[in-house]
Amino acid sequence: MPIPDWRLAYDELFAAVQRATSDLPDFDLTVELITHRFTPGSKDVLMAWYPSTKLEMDESTRAKKHTKFGSTKYVYRTETMRELRTFFEDGIARHLPRARILCWT
């Protein structure tokens, strides 16, 4: 999630994984990059379970998507998705060059 200092926090995470796996030459690392998304129903459940959450779920800041099954979900807007994807792909390539990215969503 693009929260304050997210780039720094994830860069530190990538560096920590790099250090932890640097002595493992045959280490097979795969990565799935999944952004935060929500449906109206999942938002209701999360808000009931965690009423004080700071998890950003403001529909007005998201893009509305319709699934092939006719439901609605809220995802980050195109420019935010592009920024996130570029950052993560570049960071993984820099810190974990042998890692394979399996998916981006």
PDB file of N, CA and C in Angstrom:
ATOM      1  N   MET A   1       0.842  -1.184   0.000  1.00  0.00           N
ATOM      2  CA  MET A   1       0.000   0.000   0.000  1.00  0.00           C
ATOM      3  C   MET A   1       0.883   1.242   0.000  1.00  0.00           C
ATOM      4  N   PRO A   2       0.488   2.228  -0.739  1.00  0.00           N
ATOM      5  CA  PRO A   2       1.264   3.469  -0.759  1.00  0.00           C
ATOM      6  C   PRO A   2       0.965   4.332   0.481  1.00  0.00           C
ATOM      7  N   ILE A   3       1.541   3.958   1.595  1.00  0.00           N
ATOM      8  CA  ILE A   3       1.397   4.697   2.848  1.00  0.00           C
ATOM      9  C   ILE A   3       2.658   5.545   3.038  1.00  0.00           C
ATOM     10  N   PRO A   4       2.697   6.440   4.008  1.00  0.00           N
ATOM     11  CA  PRO A   4       3.908   7.246   4.193  1.00  0.00           C
ATOM     12  C   PRO A   4       5.165   6.367   4.297  1.00  0.00           C
ATOM     13  N   ASP A   5       6.184   6.772   3.590  1.00  0.00           N
ATOM     14  CA  ASP A   5       7.494   6.097   3.581  1.00  0.00           C
ATOM     15  C   ASP A   5       7.446   4.659   3.059  1.00  0.00           C
ATOM     16  N   TRP A   6       6.460   4.331   2.239  1.00  0.00           N
ATOM     17  CA  TRP A   6       6.345   2.961   1.740  1.00  0.00           C
ATOM     18  C   TRP A   6       7.550   2.543   0.914  1.00  0.00           C
ATOM     19  N   ARG A   7       8.109   3.450   0.127  1.00  0.00           N
ATOM     20  CA  ARG A   7       9.263   3.089  -0.702  1.00  0.00           C
ATOM     21  C   ARG A   7      10.452   2.673   0.173  1.00  0.00           C
ATOM     22  N   LEU A   8      10.723   3.452   1.198  1.00  0.00           N
ATOM     23  CA  LEU A   8      11.824   3.151   2.109  1.00  0.00           C
ATOM     24  C   LEU A   8      11.590   1.822   2.828  1.00  0.00           C
ATOM     25  N   ALA A   9      10.393   1.604   3.323  1.00  0.00           N
ATOM     26  CA  ALA A   9      10.090   0.378   4.063  1.00  0.00           C
ATOM     27  C   ALA A   9      10.248  -0.854   3.167  1.00  0.00           C
ATOM     28  N   TYR A  10       9.747  -0.790   1.956  1.00  0.00           N
ATOM     29  CA  TYR A  10       9.876  -1.948   1.066  1.00  0.00           C
ATOM     30  C   TYR A  10      11.311  -2.124   0.590  1.00  0.00           C
ATOM     31  N   ASP A  11      12.031  -1.040   0.365  1.00  0.00           N
ATOM     32  CA  ASP A  11      13.434  -1.171  -0.021  1.00  0.00           C
ATOM     33  C   ASP A  11      14.225  -1.850   1.100  1.00  0.00           C
ATOM     34  N   GLU A  12      13.930  -1.491   2.345  1.00  0.00           N
ATOM     35  CA  GLU A  12      14.583  -2.145   3.485  1.00  0.00           C
ATOM     36  C   GLU A  12      14.196  -3.624   3.556  1.00  0.00           C
ATOM     37  N   LEU A  13      12.950  -3.939   3.242  1.00  0.00           N
ATOM     38  CA  LEU A  13      12.521  -5.337   3.220  1.00  0.00           C
ATOM     39  C   LEU A  13      13.277  -6.111   2.142  1.00  0.00           C
ATOM     40  N   PHE A  14      13.382  -5.562   0.945  1.00  0.00           N
ATOM     41  CA  PHE A  14      14.122  -6.222  -0.129  1.00  0.00           C
ATOM     42  C   PHE A  14      15.580  -6.446   0.276  1.00  0.00           C
ATOM     43  N   ALA A  15      16.190  -5.445   0.893  1.00  0.00           N
ATOM     44  CA  ALA A  15      17.584  -5.566   1.332  1.00  0.00           C
ATOM     45  C   ALA A  15      17.721  -6.658   2.393  1.00  0.00           C
ATOM     46  N   ALA A  16      16.763  -6.762   3.298  1.00  0.00           N
ATOM     47  CA  ALA A  16      16.802  -7.800   4.333  1.00  0.00           C
ATOM     48  C   ALA A  16      16.680  -9.195   3.719  1.00  0.00           C
ATOM     49  N   VAL A  17      15.811  -9.339   2.740  1.00  0.00           N
ATOM     50  CA  VAL A  17      15.679 -10.638   2.064  1.00  0.00           C
ATOM     51  C   VAL A  17      16.964 -10.953   1.307  1.00  0.00           C
ATOM     52  N   GLN A  18      17.542  -9.940   0.684  1.00  0.00           N
ATOM     53  CA  GLN A  18      18.810 -10.130  -0.029  1.00  0.00           C
ATOM     54  C   GLN A  18      19.888 -10.639   0.927  1.00  0.00           C
ATOM     55  N   ARG A  19      20.009 -10.014   2.100  1.00  0.00           N
ATOM     56  CA  ARG A  19      21.010 -10.451   3.085  1.00  0.00           C
ATOM     57  C   ARG A  19      20.721 -11.873   3.564  1.00  0.00           C
ATOM     58  N   ALA A  20      19.457 -12.161   3.818  1.00  0.00           N
ATOM     59  CA  ALA A  20      19.080 -13.473   4.360  1.00  0.00           C
ATOM     60  C   ALA A  20      19.279 -14.602   3.360  1.00  0.00           C
ATOM     61  N   THR A  21      19.277 -14.296   2.082  1.00  0.00           N
ATOM     62  CA  THR A  21      19.386 -15.346   1.069  1.00  0.00           C
ATOM     63  C   THR A  21      20.708 -15.320   0.305  1.00  0.00           C
ATOM     64  N   SER A  22      21.591 -14.402   0.626  1.00  0.00           N
ATOM     65  CA  SER A  22      22.823 -14.247  -0.150  1.00  0.00           C
ATOM     66  C   SER A  22      23.740 -15.468  -0.083  1.00  0.00           C
ATOM     67  N   ASP A  23      23.679 -16.239   0.985  1.00  0.00           N
ATOM     68  CA  ASP A  23      24.528 -17.429   1.126  1.00  0.00           C
ATOM     69  C   ASP A  23      23.839 -18.702   0.628  1.00  0.00           C
ATOM     70  N   LEU A  24      22.745 -18.546  -0.065  1.00  0.00           N
ATOM     71  CA  LEU A  24      21.985 -19.699  -0.557  1.00  0.00           C
ATOM     72  C   LEU A  24      21.997 -19.676  -2.090  1.00  0.00           C
ATOM     73  N   PRO A  25      23.045 -20.212  -2.707  1.00  0.00           N
ATOM     74  CA  PRO A  25      23.193 -20.078  -4.157  1.00  0.00           C
ATOM     75  C   PRO A  25      22.078 -20.740  -4.967  1.00  0.00           C
ATOM     76  N   ASP A  26      21.458 -21.769  -4.446  1.00  0.00           N
ATOM     77  CA  ASP A  26      20.402 -22.453  -5.185  1.00  0.00           C
ATOM     78  C   ASP A  26      19.007 -22.078  -4.707  1.00  0.00           C
ATOM     79  N   PHE A  27      18.930 -20.992  -3.971  1.00  0.00           N
ATOM     80  CA  PHE A  27      17.659 -20.555  -3.407  1.00  0.00           C
ATOM     81  C   PHE A  27      16.709 -20.163  -4.538  1.00  0.00           C
ATOM     82  N   ASP A  28      15.542 -20.786  -4.560  1.00  0.00           N
ATOM     83  CA  ASP A  28      14.534 -20.514  -5.588  1.00  0.00           C
ATOM     84  C   ASP A  28      13.495 -19.578  -4.983  1.00  0.00           C
ATOM     85  N   LEU A  29      13.527 -18.341  -5.392  1.00  0.00           N
ATOM     86  CA  LEU A  29      12.624 -17.343  -4.829  1.00  0.00           C
ATOM     87  C   LEU A  29      11.646 -16.877  -5.895  1.00  0.00           C
ATOM     88  N   THR A  30      10.371 -16.984  -5.573  1.00  0.00           N
ATOM     89  CA  THR A  30       9.339 -16.450  -6.447  1.00  0.00           C
ATOM     90  C   THR A  30       8.564 -15.383  -5.682  1.00  0.00           C
ATOM     91  N   VAL A  31       8.014 -14.446  -6.409  1.00  0.00           N
ATOM     92  CA  VAL A  31       7.330 -13.310  -5.804  1.00  0.00           C
ATOM     93  C   VAL A  31       5.979 -13.125  -6.478  1.00  0.00           C
ATOM     94  N   GLU A  32       4.961 -12.899  -5.681  1.00  0.00           N
ATOM     95  CA  GLU A  32       3.653 -12.518  -6.191  1.00  0.00           C
ATOM     96  C   GLU A  32       3.361 -11.124  -5.661  1.00  0.00           C
ATOM     97  N   LEU A  33       3.091 -10.202  -6.544  1.00  0.00           N
ATOM     98  CA  LEU A  33       2.834  -8.811  -6.174  1.00  0.00           C
ATOM     99  C   LEU A  33       1.334  -8.548  -6.282  1.00  0.00           C
ATOM    100  N   ILE A  34       0.696  -8.412  -5.134  1.00  0.00           N
ATOM    101  CA  ILE A  34      -0.753  -8.270  -5.084  1.00  0.00           C
ATOM    102  C   ILE A  34      -1.089  -6.986  -4.334  1.00  0.00           C
ATOM    103  N   THR A  35      -1.726  -6.071  -5.002  1.00  0.00           N
ATOM    104  CA  THR A  35      -2.074  -4.791  -4.385  1.00  0.00           C
ATOM    105  C   THR A  35      -3.366  -4.915  -3.577  1.00  0.00           C
ATOM    106  N   HIS A  36      -3.559  -3.975  -2.688  1.00  0.00           N
ATOM    107  CA  HIS A  36      -4.768  -3.981  -1.863  1.00  0.00           C
ATOM    108  C   HIS A  36      -5.973  -3.604  -2.715  1.00  0.00           C
ATOM    109  N   ARG A  37      -6.989  -4.399  -2.615  1.00  0.00           N
ATOM    110  CA  ARG A  37      -8.246  -4.146  -3.294  1.00  0.00           C
ATOM    111  C   ARG A  37      -9.354  -4.589  -2.367  1.00  0.00           C
ATOM    112  N   PHE A  38     -10.543  -4.113  -2.600  1.00  0.00           N
ATOM    113  CA  PHE A  38     -11.644  -4.530  -1.736  1.00  0.00           C
ATOM    114  C   PHE A  38     -12.962  -4.456  -2.483  1.00  0.00           C
ATOM    115  N   THR A  39     -13.907  -5.226  -1.991  1.00  0.00           N
ATOM    116  CA  THR A  39     -15.276  -5.182  -2.488  1.00  0.00           C
ATOM    117  C   THR A  39     -16.116  -4.492  -1.423  1.00  0.00           C
ATOM    118  N   PRO A  40     -17.314  -4.053  -1.762  1.00  0.00           N
ATOM    119  CA  PRO A  40     -18.157  -3.468  -0.712  1.00  0.00           C
ATOM    120  C   PRO A  40     -18.378  -4.439   0.451  1.00  0.00           C
ATOM    121  N   GLY A  41     -18.562  -5.714   0.155  1.00  0.00           N
ATOM    122  CA  GLY A  41     -18.773  -6.707   1.216  1.00  0.00           C
ATOM    123  C   GLY A  41     -17.547  -6.912   2.088  1.00  0.00           C
ATOM    124  N   SER A  42     -16.364  -7.000   1.451  1.00  0.00           N
ATOM    125  CA  SER A  42     -15.149  -7.204   2.255  1.00  0.00           C
ATOM    126  C   SER A  42     -14.853  -5.964   3.099  1.00  0.00           C
ATOM    127  N   LYS A  43     -15.176  -4.794   2.580  1.00  0.00           N
ATOM    128  CA  LYS A  43     -14.978  -3.570   3.372  1.00  0.00           C
ATOM    129  C   LYS A  43     -15.878  -3.603   4.608  1.00  0.00           C
ATOM    130  N   ASP A  44     -17.131  -3.996   4.427  1.00  0.00           N
ATOM    131  CA  ASP A  44     -18.056  -4.068   5.570  1.00  0.00           C
ATOM    132  C   ASP A  44     -17.543  -5.035   6.638  1.00  0.00           C
ATOM    133  N   VAL A  45     -17.039  -6.181   6.215  1.00  0.00           N
ATOM    134  CA  VAL A  45     -16.516  -7.168   7.166  1.00  0.00           C
ATOM    135  C   VAL A  45     -15.310  -6.606   7.902  1.00  0.00           C
ATOM    136  N   LEU A  46     -14.363  -6.039   7.151  1.00  0.00           N
ATOM    137  CA  LEU A  46     -13.160  -5.495   7.788  1.00  0.00           C
ATOM    138  C   LEU A  46     -13.496  -4.359   8.754  1.00  0.00           C
ATOM    139  N   MET A  47     -14.422  -3.494   8.369  1.00  0.00           N
ATOM    140  CA  MET A  47     -14.789  -2.387   9.250  1.00  0.00           C
ATOM    141  C   MET A  47     -15.499  -2.896  10.515  1.00  0.00           C
ATOM    142  N   ALA A  48     -16.241  -3.980  10.400  1.00  0.00           N
ATOM    143  CA  ALA A  48     -16.901  -4.557  11.583  1.00  0.00           C
ATOM    144  C   ALA A  48     -15.874  -5.220  12.506  1.00  0.00           C
ATOM    145  N   TRP A  49     -14.914  -5.908  11.912  1.00  0.00           N
ATOM    146  CA  TRP A  49     -13.899  -6.589  12.715  1.00  0.00           C
ATOM    147  C   TRP A  49     -12.890  -5.624  13.303  1.00  0.00           C
ATOM    148  N   TYR A  50     -12.526  -4.604  12.527  1.00  0.00           N
ATOM    149  CA  TYR A  50     -11.479  -3.657  12.927  1.00  0.00           C
ATOM    150  C   TYR A  50     -11.990  -2.225  12.767  1.00  0.00           C
ATOM    151  N   PRO A  51     -12.896  -1.793  13.626  1.00  0.00           N
ATOM    152  CA  PRO A  51     -13.514  -0.468  13.453  1.00  0.00           C
ATOM    153  C   PRO A  51     -12.527   0.701  13.541  1.00  0.00           C
ATOM    154  N   SER A  52     -11.391   0.510  14.143  1.00  0.00           N
ATOM    155  CA  SER A  52     -10.401   1.592  14.257  1.00  0.00           C
ATOM    156  C   SER A  52      -9.291   1.472  13.217  1.00  0.00           C
ATOM    157  N   THR A  53      -9.490   0.645  12.216  1.00  0.00           N
ATOM    158  CA  THR A  53      -8.444   0.436  11.227  1.00  0.00           C
ATOM    159  C   THR A  53      -8.069   1.730  10.506  1.00  0.00           C
ATOM    160  N   LYS A  54      -6.824   1.801  10.126  1.00  0.00           N
ATOM    161  CA  LYS A  54      -6.355   2.925   9.310  1.00  0.00           C
ATOM    162  C   LYS A  54      -6.157   2.482   7.864  1.00  0.00           C
ATOM    163  N   LEU A  55      -6.576   1.263   7.570  1.00  0.00           N
ATOM    164  CA  LEU A  55      -6.495   0.733   6.223  1.00  0.00           C
ATOM    165  C   LEU A  55      -7.349   1.599   5.302  1.00  0.00           C
ATOM    166  N   GLU A  56      -6.736   2.122   4.265  1.00  0.00           N
ATOM    167  CA  GLU A  56      -7.430   3.036   3.350  1.00  0.00           C
ATOM    168  C   GLU A  56      -8.405   2.260   2.483  1.00  0.00           C
ATOM    169  N   MET A  57      -9.685   2.577   2.627  1.00  0.00           N
ATOM    170  CA  MET A  57     -10.730   1.939   1.821  1.00  0.00           C
ATOM    171  C   MET A  57     -11.764   2.972   1.387  1.00  0.00           C
ATOM    172  N   ASP A  58     -11.279   4.056   0.826  1.00  0.00           N
ATOM    173  CA  ASP A  58     -12.143   5.138   0.365  1.00  0.00           C
ATOM    174  C   ASP A  58     -12.427   4.925  -1.121  1.00  0.00           C
ATOM    175  N   GLU A  59     -13.659   4.573  -1.427  1.00  0.00           N
ATOM    176  CA  GLU A  59     -14.024   4.303  -2.817  1.00  0.00           C
ATOM    177  C   GLU A  59     -13.735   5.473  -3.747  1.00  0.00           C
ATOM    178  N   SER A  60     -13.811   6.693  -3.227  1.00  0.00           N
ATOM    179  CA  SER A  60     -13.620   7.872  -4.082  1.00  0.00           C
ATOM    180  C   SER A  60     -12.174   8.038  -4.549  1.00  0.00           C
ATOM    181  N   THR A  61     -11.232   7.355  -3.913  1.00  0.00           N
ATOM    182  CA  THR A  61      -9.829   7.451  -4.325  1.00  0.00           C
ATOM    183  C   THR A  61      -9.404   6.261  -5.176  1.00  0.00           C
ATOM    184  N   ARG A  62     -10.327   5.376  -5.468  1.00  0.00           N
ATOM    185  CA  ARG A  62     -10.031   4.134  -6.184  1.00  0.00           C
ATOM    186  C   ARG A  62     -10.735   4.103  -7.541  1.00  0.00           C
ATOM    187  N   ALA A  63     -10.283   3.161  -8.355  1.00  0.00           N
ATOM    188  CA  ALA A  63     -10.970   2.873  -9.611  1.00  0.00           C
ATOM    189  C   ALA A  63     -11.947   1.736  -9.346  1.00  0.00           C
ATOM    190  N   LYS A  64     -13.121   1.848  -9.914  1.00  0.00           N
ATOM    191  CA  LYS A  64     -14.154   0.826  -9.748  1.00  0.00           C
ATOM    192  C   LYS A  64     -14.046  -0.154 -10.915  1.00  0.00           C
ATOM    193  N   LYS A  65     -13.922  -1.436 -10.592  1.00  0.00           N
ATOM    194  CA  LYS A  65     -13.804  -2.478 -11.613  1.00  0.00           C
ATOM    195  C   LYS A  65     -14.947  -3.464 -11.442  1.00  0.00           C
ATOM    196  N   HIS A  66     -15.378  -4.002 -12.551  1.00  0.00           N
ATOM    197  CA  HIS A  66     -16.404  -5.039 -12.529  1.00  0.00           C
ATOM    198  C   HIS A  66     -15.756  -6.352 -12.926  1.00  0.00           C
ATOM    199  N   THR A  67     -15.996  -7.371 -12.122  1.00  0.00           N
ATOM    200  CA  THR A  67     -15.395  -8.675 -12.395  1.00  0.00           C
ATOM    201  C   THR A  67     -16.219  -9.421 -13.440  1.00  0.00           C
ATOM    202  N   LYS A  68     -15.658 -10.514 -13.952  1.00  0.00           N
ATOM    203  CA  LYS A  68     -16.377 -11.302 -14.949  1.00  0.00           C
ATOM    204  C   LYS A  68     -17.619 -11.969 -14.358  1.00  0.00           C
ATOM    205  N   PHE A  69     -17.719 -11.977 -13.035  1.00  0.00           N
ATOM    206  CA  PHE A  69     -18.873 -12.568 -12.370  1.00  0.00           C
ATOM    207  C   PHE A  69     -19.920 -11.512 -11.991  1.00  0.00           C
ATOM    208  N   GLY A  70     -19.683 -10.257 -12.399  1.00  0.00           N
ATOM    209  CA  GLY A  70     -20.658  -9.203 -12.161  1.00  0.00           C
ATOM    210  C   GLY A  70     -20.522  -8.467 -10.839  1.00  0.00           C
ATOM    211  N   SER A  71     -19.516  -8.793 -10.054  1.00  0.00           N
ATOM    212  CA  SER A  71     -19.329  -8.077  -8.790  1.00  0.00           C
ATOM    213  C   SER A  71     -18.445  -6.850  -9.017  1.00  0.00           C
ATOM    214  N   THR A  72     -18.366  -6.023  -8.006  1.00  0.00           N
ATOM    215  CA  THR A  72     -17.589  -4.787  -8.061  1.00  0.00           C
ATOM    216  C   THR A  72     -16.435  -4.865  -7.081  1.00  0.00           C
ATOM    217  N   LYS A  73     -15.287  -4.370  -7.502  1.00  0.00           N
ATOM    218  CA  LYS A  73     -14.152  -4.235  -6.594  1.00  0.00           C
ATOM    219  C   LYS A  73     -13.517  -2.877  -6.829  1.00  0.00           C
ATOM    220  N   TYR A  74     -12.831  -2.402  -5.801  1.00  0.00           N
ATOM    221  CA  TYR A  74     -12.151  -1.113  -5.863  1.00  0.00           C
ATOM    222  C   TYR A  74     -10.649  -1.359  -5.822  1.00  0.00           C
ATOM    223  N   VAL A  75      -9.969  -0.842  -6.827  1.00  0.00           N
ATOM    224  CA  VAL A  75      -8.526  -1.034  -6.972  1.00  0.00           C
ATOM    225  C   VAL A  75      -7.858   0.336  -7.055  1.00  0.00           C
ATOM    226  N   TYR A  76      -6.534   0.347  -6.953  1.00  0.00           N
ATOM    227  CA  TYR A  76      -5.825   1.612  -7.119  1.00  0.00           C
ATOM    228  C   TYR A  76      -6.002   2.121  -8.542  1.00  0.00           C
ATOM    229  N   ARG A  77      -5.962   3.414  -8.687  1.00  0.00           N
ATOM    230  CA  ARG A  77      -6.070   4.023 -10.015  1.00  0.00           C
ATOM    231  C   ARG A  77      -4.833   3.718 -10.846  1.00  0.00           C
ATOM    232  N   THR A  78      -4.974   3.872 -12.151  1.00  0.00           N
ATOM    233  CA  THR A  78      -3.932   3.486 -13.098  1.00  0.00           C
ATOM    234  C   THR A  78      -2.577   4.083 -12.759  1.00  0.00           C
ATOM    235  N   GLU A  79      -2.514   5.363 -12.445  1.00  0.00           N
ATOM    236  CA  GLU A  79      -1.217   5.998 -12.179  1.00  0.00           C
ATOM    237  C   GLU A  79      -0.556   5.428 -10.919  1.00  0.00           C
ATOM    238  N   THR A  80      -1.355   5.124  -9.905  1.00  0.00           N
ATOM    239  CA  THR A  80      -0.819   4.519  -8.682  1.00  0.00           C
ATOM    240  C   THR A  80      -0.335   3.094  -8.957  1.00  0.00           C
ATOM    241  N   MET A  81      -1.119   2.331  -9.711  1.00  0.00           N
ATOM    242  CA  MET A  81      -0.710   0.960 -10.064  1.00  0.00           C
ATOM    243  C   MET A  81       0.598   0.981 -10.851  1.00  0.00           C
ATOM    244  N   ARG A  82       0.725   1.904 -11.766  1.00  0.00           N
ATOM    245  CA  ARG A  82       1.950   2.004 -12.565  1.00  0.00           C
ATOM    246  C   ARG A  82       3.149   2.324 -11.674  1.00  0.00           C
ATOM    247  N   GLU A  83       2.970   3.269 -10.755  1.00  0.00           N
ATOM    248  CA  GLU A  83       4.043   3.642  -9.835  1.00  0.00           C
ATOM    249  C   GLU A  83       4.445   2.460  -8.948  1.00  0.00           C
ATOM    250  N   LEU A  84       3.461   1.775  -8.389  1.00  0.00           N
ATOM    251  CA  LEU A  84       3.741   0.626  -7.533  1.00  0.00           C
ATOM    252  C   LEU A  84       4.459  -0.478  -8.309  1.00  0.00           C
ATOM    253  N   ARG A  85       3.945  -0.796  -9.479  1.00  0.00           N
ATOM    254  CA  ARG A  85       4.538  -1.888 -10.256  1.00  0.00           C
ATOM    255  C   ARG A  85       5.984  -1.584 -10.636  1.00  0.00           C
ATOM    256  N   THR A  86       6.235  -0.367 -11.093  1.00  0.00           N
ATOM    257  CA  THR A  86       7.595   0.023 -11.465  1.00  0.00           C
ATOM    258  C   THR A  86       8.529  -0.082 -10.271  1.00  0.00           C
ATOM    259  N   PHE A  87       8.106   0.445  -9.136  1.00  0.00           N
ATOM    260  CA  PHE A  87       8.938   0.391  -7.937  1.00  0.00           C
ATOM    261  C   PHE A  87       9.257  -1.046  -7.546  1.00  0.00           C
ATOM    262  N   PHE A  88       8.236  -1.890  -7.461  1.00  0.00           N
ATOM    263  CA  PHE A  88       8.449  -3.269  -7.019  1.00  0.00           C
ATOM    264  C   PHE A  88       9.291  -4.061  -8.005  1.00  0.00           C
ATOM    265  N   GLU A  89       9.016  -3.935  -9.286  1.00  0.00           N
ATOM    266  CA  GLU A  89       9.814  -4.673 -10.269  1.00  0.00           C
ATOM    267  C   GLU A  89      11.267  -4.213 -10.250  1.00  0.00           C
ATOM    268  N   ASP A  90      11.508  -2.902 -10.157  1.00  0.00           N
ATOM    269  CA  ASP A  90      12.879  -2.384 -10.096  1.00  0.00           C
ATOM    270  C   ASP A  90      13.582  -2.817  -8.808  1.00  0.00           C
ATOM    271  N   GLY A  91      12.890  -2.736  -7.679  1.00  0.00           N
ATOM    272  CA  GLY A  91      13.488  -3.106  -6.394  1.00  0.00           C
ATOM    273  C   GLY A  91      13.835  -4.580  -6.328  1.00  0.00           C
ATOM    274  N   ILE A  92      12.952  -5.408  -6.847  1.00  0.00           N
ATOM    275  CA  ILE A  92      13.225  -6.843  -6.855  1.00  0.00           C
ATOM    276  C   ILE A  92      14.389  -7.149  -7.784  1.00  0.00           C
ATOM    277  N   ALA A  93      14.421  -6.533  -8.944  1.00  0.00           N
ATOM    278  CA  ALA A  93      15.534  -6.755  -9.883  1.00  0.00           C
ATOM    279  C   ALA A  93      16.864  -6.317  -9.274  1.00  0.00           C
ATOM    280  N   ARG A  94      16.864  -5.225  -8.532  1.00  0.00           N
ATOM    281  CA  ARG A  94      18.096  -4.696  -7.939  1.00  0.00           C
ATOM    282  C   ARG A  94      18.574  -5.545  -6.764  1.00  0.00           C
ATOM    283  N   HIS A  95      17.677  -5.895  -5.864  1.00  0.00           N
ATOM    284  CA  HIS A  95      18.055  -6.619  -4.647  1.00  0.00           C
ATOM    285  C   HIS A  95      18.011  -8.135  -4.797  1.00  0.00           C
ATOM    286  N   LEU A  96      17.120  -8.628  -5.624  1.00  0.00           N
ATOM    287  CA  LEU A  96      16.887 -10.072  -5.734  1.00  0.00           C
ATOM    288  C   LEU A  96      16.851 -10.478  -7.209  1.00  0.00           C
ATOM    289  N   PRO A  97      17.952 -10.318  -7.898  1.00  0.00           N
ATOM    290  CA  PRO A  97      17.941 -10.510  -9.353  1.00  0.00           C
ATOM    291  C   PRO A  97      17.557 -11.918  -9.811  1.00  0.00           C
ATOM    292  N   ARG A  98      17.709 -12.916  -8.955  1.00  0.00           N
ATOM    293  CA  ARG A  98      17.328 -14.279  -9.343  1.00  0.00           C
ATOM    294  C   ARG A  98      15.853 -14.575  -9.068  1.00  0.00           C
ATOM    295  N   ALA A  99      15.181 -13.681  -8.395  1.00  0.00           N
ATOM    296  CA  ALA A  99      13.761 -13.901  -8.079  1.00  0.00           C
ATOM    297  C   ALA A  99      12.912 -13.813  -9.346  1.00  0.00           C
ATOM    298  N   ARG A 100      11.910 -14.670  -9.396  1.00  0.00           N
ATOM    299  CA  ARG A 100      10.959 -14.634 -10.505  1.00  0.00           C
ATOM    300  C   ARG A 100       9.657 -14.046 -10.005  1.00  0.00           C
ATOM    301  N   ILE A 101       9.160 -13.062 -10.711  1.00  0.00           N
ATOM    302  CA  ILE A 101       7.864 -12.476 -10.381  1.00  0.00           C
ATOM    303  C   ILE A 101       6.804 -13.305 -11.092  1.00  0.00           C
ATOM    304  N   LEU A 102       5.938 -13.915 -10.303  1.00  0.00           N
ATOM    305  CA  LEU A 102       4.915 -14.790 -10.873  1.00  0.00           C
ATOM    306  C   LEU A 102       3.683 -14.036 -11.335  1.00  0.00           C
ATOM    307  N   CYS A 103       3.308 -12.990 -10.594  1.00  0.00           N
ATOM    308  CA  CYS A 103       2.116 -12.255 -11.004  1.00  0.00           C
ATOM    309  C   CYS A 103       2.140 -10.846 -10.442  1.00  0.00           C
ATOM    310  N   TRP A 104       1.393 -10.012 -11.081  1.00  0.00           N
ATOM    311  CA  TRP A 104       1.146  -8.648 -10.624  1.00  0.00           C
ATOM    312  C   TRP A 104      -0.349  -8.435 -10.744  1.00  0.00           C
ATOM    313  N   THR A 105      -0.950  -8.020  -9.667  1.00  0.00           N
ATOM    314  CA  THR A 105      -2.372  -7.720  -9.725  1.00  0.00           C
ATOM    315  C   THR A 105      -2.732  -6.648  -8.721  1.00  0.00           C
TER     316      THR A 105
END
